[in-house]
Protein backbone atom coordinates (compact mmCIF):
# COMPACT_ATOMS: atom_id res chain seq x y z
CA MET A 1 -24.64 13.57 24.33
CA SER A 2 -20.93 13.01 23.84
CA ARG A 3 -19.37 9.55 23.60
CA ARG A 4 -17.48 10.21 26.82
CA LEU A 5 -20.69 10.90 28.74
CA PHE A 6 -22.31 7.79 27.30
CA ARG A 7 -19.31 5.69 28.40
CA ARG A 8 -19.62 7.07 31.93
CA LEU A 9 -23.35 6.44 31.90
CA ARG A 10 -22.85 2.87 30.72
CA ALA A 11 -20.26 2.11 33.39
CA LEU A 12 -22.42 3.50 36.18
CA ALA A 13 -25.52 1.74 34.87
CA LEU A 14 -23.67 -1.58 35.12
CA VAL A 15 -22.48 -0.78 38.64
CA CYS A 16 -25.97 0.26 39.72
CA GLY A 17 -27.44 -2.92 38.26
CA SER A 18 -25.04 -5.06 40.26
CA LEU A 19 -25.85 -3.19 43.48
CA ALA A 20 -29.61 -2.97 43.04
CA SER A 21 -30.21 -6.07 45.14
CA LEU A 22 -28.39 -4.36 48.03
CA GLY A 23 -30.62 -1.29 47.83
CA ALA A 24 -27.81 0.99 46.69
CA CYS A 25 -29.97 2.48 43.95
CA ALA A 26 -33.21 2.86 45.84
CA ALA A 27 -35.35 5.93 45.28
CA GLU A 28 -37.50 8.27 47.28
CA VAL A 29 -40.72 8.52 45.32
CA GLY A 30 -42.90 10.67 47.56
CA PRO A 31 -46.08 10.00 49.56
CA LYS A 32 -48.57 10.61 46.74
CA VAL A 33 -47.63 7.66 44.53
CA GLN A 34 -46.83 3.98 44.91
CA PHE A 35 -44.62 1.99 42.56
CA ILE A 36 -46.44 -0.98 41.04
CA SER A 37 -44.13 -2.65 38.53
CA HIS A 38 -41.90 -2.28 35.51
CA LEU A 39 -41.33 -4.48 32.49
CA ASP A 40 -38.45 -4.42 30.02
CA TRP A 41 -39.39 -4.22 26.35
CA PRO A 42 -36.58 -5.94 24.41
CA PRO A 43 -36.24 -5.11 20.70
CA GLY A 44 -37.71 -8.44 19.60
CA ALA A 45 -40.18 -8.06 16.76
CA HIS A 46 -40.39 -4.27 16.74
CA ARG A 47 -36.59 -3.83 16.33
CA MET A 48 -36.87 -0.23 17.37
CA GLY A 49 -35.87 2.05 20.20
CA GLY A 50 -35.90 5.71 21.05
CA PHE A 51 -39.49 5.60 22.29
CA SER A 52 -40.54 9.12 23.26
CA GLY A 53 -44.35 9.27 23.12
CA LEU A 54 -46.95 7.00 24.72
CA GLU A 55 -50.74 6.77 24.88
CA LEU A 56 -52.90 4.07 26.52
CA SER A 57 -56.55 3.19 26.04
CA ASP A 58 -58.97 4.20 28.78
CA ASP A 59 -58.67 0.78 30.42
CA GLY A 60 -54.87 0.70 30.17
CA THR A 61 -54.68 -2.41 27.98
CA ARG A 62 -53.89 -1.04 24.51
CA PHE A 63 -50.89 1.20 23.85
CA THR A 64 -49.57 3.40 21.06
CA ALA A 65 -45.92 4.49 21.04
CA ILE A 66 -43.74 6.55 18.72
CA SER A 67 -40.01 6.42 18.10
CA ASP A 68 -37.44 9.18 17.56
CA ARG A 69 -36.83 7.72 14.12
CA GLY A 70 -40.33 8.32 12.84
CA PHE A 71 -42.04 5.00 13.56
CA ILE A 72 -45.27 4.12 15.33
CA VAL A 73 -46.20 0.86 17.01
CA THR A 74 -49.33 -0.35 18.79
CA GLY A 75 -49.89 -3.32 21.05
CA ARG A 76 -51.33 -4.73 24.24
CA LEU A 77 -50.11 -4.72 27.84
CA HIS A 78 -50.81 -7.84 29.88
CA ARG A 79 -51.05 -7.80 33.67
CA ALA A 80 -51.44 -10.32 36.47
CA GLY A 81 -53.41 -8.42 39.06
CA ALA A 82 -51.88 -4.95 39.10
CA LYS A 83 -48.45 -5.90 37.76
CA LEU A 84 -47.23 -5.85 34.18
CA THR A 85 -46.35 -9.32 32.91
CA ALA A 86 -46.06 -9.20 29.10
CA ILE A 87 -46.04 -6.91 26.09
CA GLU A 88 -47.68 -7.93 22.84
CA GLU A 89 -46.83 -5.58 19.98
CA ASP A 90 -48.24 -5.26 16.48
CA ALA A 91 -46.05 -4.75 13.42
CA PRO A 92 -44.55 -1.23 13.51
CA GLY A 93 -44.87 1.19 10.62
CA PRO A 94 -43.49 4.58 9.60
CA LEU A 95 -45.17 7.88 10.25
CA HIS A 96 -46.06 9.62 6.99
CA ASN A 97 -45.90 13.19 5.81
CA ALA A 98 -48.67 15.22 4.18
CA GLN A 99 -47.84 13.69 0.79
CA GLY A 100 -48.28 10.16 2.12
CA ALA A 101 -44.57 9.26 2.04
CA PRO A 102 -42.68 7.96 5.11
CA VAL A 103 -40.99 10.78 6.99
CA SER A 104 -37.26 11.01 6.39
CA GLY A 105 -34.26 13.13 7.27
CA LEU A 106 -35.03 16.06 9.55
CA GLU A 107 -38.72 15.11 9.47
CA THR A 108 -38.28 11.93 11.52
CA ASP A 109 -37.65 13.07 15.10
CA ALA A 110 -41.08 12.35 16.61
CA GLU A 111 -41.24 13.24 20.32
CA GLY A 112 -44.74 13.92 21.65
CA LEU A 113 -47.92 11.89 21.14
CA ALA A 114 -51.54 12.70 21.97
CA ILE A 115 -54.87 11.11 21.00
CA GLY A 116 -57.93 13.36 20.87
CA PRO A 117 -61.44 12.56 22.14
CA ASP A 118 -62.36 11.64 18.55
CA GLY A 119 -59.47 9.15 18.29
CA GLN A 120 -57.31 11.33 16.03
CA LEU A 121 -53.55 11.14 16.62
CA TYR A 122 -51.29 14.16 17.02
CA VAL A 123 -47.48 14.08 16.94
CA SER A 124 -44.95 16.78 17.79
CA PHE A 125 -41.56 16.74 16.10
CA GLU A 126 -38.09 18.13 16.75
CA GLY A 127 -35.57 18.91 14.04
CA LEU A 128 -38.26 20.72 12.12
CA HIS A 129 -40.33 21.98 15.06
CA ARG A 130 -43.96 21.29 14.24
CA VAL A 131 -47.14 19.43 15.21
CA ARG A 132 -49.03 17.19 12.81
CA ALA A 133 -52.49 15.61 12.97
CA TYR A 134 -52.99 12.05 11.72
CA PRO A 135 -56.53 11.40 10.45
CA SER A 136 -54.99 8.09 9.30
CA PRO A 137 -51.51 6.57 9.74
CA GLU A 138 -50.88 6.89 5.98
CA ARG A 139 -51.06 10.68 5.75
CA SER A 140 -50.56 13.61 8.11
CA ARG A 141 -52.34 16.95 8.18
CA PRO A 142 -50.16 20.00 8.92
CA LEU A 143 -51.26 22.32 11.70
CA PRO A 144 -50.32 26.00 11.69
CA THR A 145 -46.74 26.62 12.81
CA PRO A 146 -46.22 29.84 14.80
CA GLY A 147 -43.00 31.74 14.39
CA ALA A 148 -42.04 30.98 17.99
CA PHE A 149 -41.52 27.31 17.06
CA ALA A 150 -38.73 28.21 14.62
CA ALA A 151 -36.82 29.91 17.44
CA LEU A 152 -36.68 26.77 19.60
CA GLN A 153 -33.31 25.21 20.35
CA GLY A 154 -32.15 22.30 18.23
CA ASN A 155 -32.82 18.89 19.79
CA SER A 156 -34.76 20.64 22.55
CA GLY A 157 -38.07 21.37 20.91
CA LEU A 158 -41.65 20.20 21.40
CA GLU A 159 -41.05 17.11 23.54
CA ALA A 160 -44.35 17.13 25.43
CA LEU A 161 -47.80 17.02 23.82
CA ALA A 162 -51.23 16.55 25.40
CA VAL A 163 -54.88 17.03 24.43
CA ASP A 164 -57.67 17.98 26.83
CA GLY A 165 -61.30 16.88 26.87
CA LYS A 166 -62.26 19.70 24.50
CA GLY A 167 -59.74 18.53 21.91
CA HIS A 168 -57.37 21.45 22.54
CA LEU A 169 -53.69 20.64 22.13
CA TYR A 170 -51.03 21.72 24.62
CA THR A 171 -47.30 21.55 23.94
CA LEU A 172 -44.11 22.88 25.49
CA PRO A 173 -40.40 22.68 24.67
CA GLU A 174 -37.77 20.69 26.49
CA ARG A 175 -35.77 23.86 27.18
CA SER A 176 -36.90 27.39 27.96
CA GLY A 177 -33.69 29.17 26.94
CA ARG A 178 -32.56 30.17 30.43
CA LEU A 179 -32.28 28.40 33.77
CA THR A 180 -34.54 31.01 35.39
CA ARG A 181 -37.11 31.19 32.57
CA PRO A 182 -40.39 29.22 32.87
CA PHE A 183 -41.37 26.78 30.13
CA PRO A 184 -43.81 28.43 27.68
CA VAL A 185 -46.96 26.41 26.99
CA TRP A 186 -48.74 26.75 23.64
CA ARG A 187 -52.37 25.81 23.11
CA PHE A 188 -54.08 25.01 19.79
CA ASP A 189 -57.84 25.51 19.80
CA GLY A 190 -58.46 24.04 16.36
CA SER A 191 -57.68 27.17 14.39
CA ARG A 192 -54.72 28.98 15.94
CA TRP A 193 -51.96 28.70 18.52
CA ALA A 194 -51.76 30.91 21.61
CA GLN A 195 -49.35 30.98 24.54
CA PRO A 196 -51.66 31.48 27.55
CA PHE A 197 -49.26 30.60 30.38
CA SER A 198 -45.92 29.10 31.37
CA ILE A 199 -44.91 26.34 33.76
CA PRO A 200 -42.39 27.22 36.48
CA ARG A 201 -38.94 25.71 36.10
CA SER A 202 -37.23 24.19 39.14
CA GLY A 203 -34.15 22.10 39.64
CA GLY A 204 -32.48 20.50 36.65
CA PHE A 205 -35.63 18.83 35.33
CA LEU A 206 -36.79 19.35 31.72
CA PRO A 207 -40.22 18.47 30.24
CA VAL A 208 -40.34 15.32 28.09
CA GLY A 209 -43.95 14.08 28.26
CA ALA A 210 -47.44 15.23 29.18
CA ASP A 211 -51.01 13.96 29.42
CA PHE A 212 -54.38 15.05 30.73
CA GLY A 213 -55.62 12.60 33.33
CA PRO A 214 -59.20 11.38 33.80
CA ASP A 215 -59.44 13.99 36.59
CA GLY A 216 -58.94 16.75 34.00
CA ARG A 217 -55.55 17.80 35.38
CA LEU A 218 -52.39 18.22 33.33
CA TYR A 219 -49.65 15.74 34.25
CA LEU A 220 -46.09 16.64 33.25
CA LEU A 221 -43.21 14.13 33.05
CA GLU A 222 -39.77 15.71 33.44
CA ARG A 223 -36.25 14.32 33.17
CA GLU A 224 -32.90 15.31 34.58
CA PHE A 225 -29.67 13.93 33.14
CA THR A 226 -26.97 14.34 35.78
CA GLY A 227 -24.05 13.46 33.50
CA PHE A 228 -24.11 9.91 34.87
CA ALA A 229 -27.73 8.83 35.05
CA PHE A 230 -31.35 9.90 34.74
CA ARG A 231 -33.82 11.16 37.31
CA SER A 232 -37.55 11.53 36.69
CA ARG A 233 -40.24 13.78 38.08
CA VAL A 234 -44.01 13.99 37.57
CA ARG A 235 -45.91 17.16 38.42
CA ARG A 236 -49.60 17.89 37.92
CA PHE A 237 -51.53 21.12 37.51
CA VAL A 238 -55.06 22.49 37.28
CA ILE A 239 -55.79 24.60 34.20
CA LEU A 240 -58.50 27.26 34.54
CA GLY A 241 -58.95 29.11 31.27
CA ASP A 242 -55.68 30.95 30.66
CA ARG A 243 -54.28 30.21 34.10
CA ILE A 244 -52.39 27.25 35.51
CA THR A 245 -52.64 26.62 39.25
CA ASP A 246 -52.22 24.12 42.07
CA GLY A 247 -48.93 22.67 40.89
CA GLU A 248 -47.75 19.72 42.96
CA THR A 249 -45.01 17.12 42.68
CA LEU A 250 -46.23 13.53 42.70
CA LEU A 251 -43.06 11.65 41.91
CA GLU A 252 -39.35 12.40 42.03
CA THR A 253 -36.85 9.58 41.67
CA GLN A 254 -33.21 9.31 42.49
CA ARG A 255 -30.60 8.37 39.90
CA HIS A 256 -30.73 4.89 38.37
CA ARG A 257 -34.25 4.18 39.61
CA HIS A 258 -35.48 3.95 36.02
CA GLY A 259 -34.18 4.57 32.54
CA ASN A 260 -34.71 7.64 30.39
CA LEU A 261 -38.48 7.97 30.92
CA GLU A 262 -40.02 10.13 28.17
CA GLY A 263 -43.54 8.86 27.40
CA LEU A 264 -46.43 9.33 29.85
CA SER A 265 -50.04 8.14 29.84
CA VAL A 266 -52.46 8.78 32.72
CA TRP A 267 -55.55 6.58 33.13
CA ARG A 268 -57.92 5.10 35.71
CA ASP A 269 -57.92 1.39 36.52
CA ALA A 270 -60.86 -0.83 37.46
CA THR A 271 -60.54 0.11 41.15
CA GLY A 272 -60.95 3.81 40.33
CA THR A 273 -57.27 4.58 41.01
CA ILE A 274 -55.32 6.87 38.68
CA ARG A 275 -52.22 5.23 37.23
CA LEU A 276 -49.13 6.74 35.65
CA THR A 277 -47.70 4.55 32.90
CA MET A 278 -44.36 5.66 31.49
CA LEU A 279 -42.05 4.43 28.73
CA SER A 280 -38.30 4.94 28.49
CA ASP A 281 -36.17 6.00 25.54
CA ASP A 282 -33.06 3.81 25.17
CA ASN A 283 -31.31 6.39 22.94
CA PHE A 284 -30.48 3.45 20.65
CA ARG A 285 -27.78 2.34 23.11
CA SER A 286 -27.43 -1.32 24.04
CA PHE A 287 -26.61 -0.55 27.68
CA LEU A 288 -29.86 1.40 28.13
CA ARG A 289 -33.29 -0.18 27.88
CA SER A 290 -36.84 0.39 26.82
CA GLU A 291 -39.16 -0.31 29.74
CA PHE A 292 -42.72 0.31 30.82
CA VAL A 293 -43.02 1.68 34.36
CA GLU A 294 -46.23 2.01 36.37
CA TYR A 295 -47.16 3.92 39.51
CA ARG A 296 -50.51 4.45 41.17
CA VAL A 297 -51.56 7.81 42.58
CA THR A 298 -52.47 7.16 46.21
CA ASP A 299 -54.35 10.35 47.10
């Protein structure tokens, strides 16, 4: 984004903050979800930003997050009842390449995060469009890279990454190339990539995060940058073999409701309710913020 756009965004963010108590920045979130809470995550000990990928443990207490600058951090979320109250993070560390060295240069732009049923981490990267497996944090394992990845737009590559119960990876780019073109979805079955289906594109929203929920459905977090602020949307789908069906919108916010939400983790709490936990990317700008945001799915 240009400096001019960031200045406009900063000015409007300050105005919206001052009017929030008057309800000027309220959002319509839809009948299928209910907002629970949000919690700012100041730089503090982790001294990072640009968080783009998020995964939570099955009980929603432990988190793993990755940064645009090639770092990974784990920690614990504390709640009082249903609401977030505190964030306890471990010491962050760099993601490593296949040679065991910290990623650097064009290698660093980590965007999507998924954790398989066996606990193995997977990360998708922009800059050099690729997906890597992490048997351990100290060394990555390259996955095959289809030719279609090389044709992706710069800074608009594999933002969303998810893994299903079979351990199959799903990824899609932030941009499809045309306003009327659906977003292609690639699936990795452990040996090769295929592109079985696409996700319809609507409005100005672009995919930035994905996760398979405990109900087996694919949840997709999308973002729209209006030139002044961010809007967020969450859709979910049923995947049947090589088909995607039953798409529905769960959440769609107005401008200024939240920050630049990019990470999504879907889990079930102790009451049996599915929760959407999201994490925002502050773009390394002091007037934006990193925050955890939680909604419950009410249907």
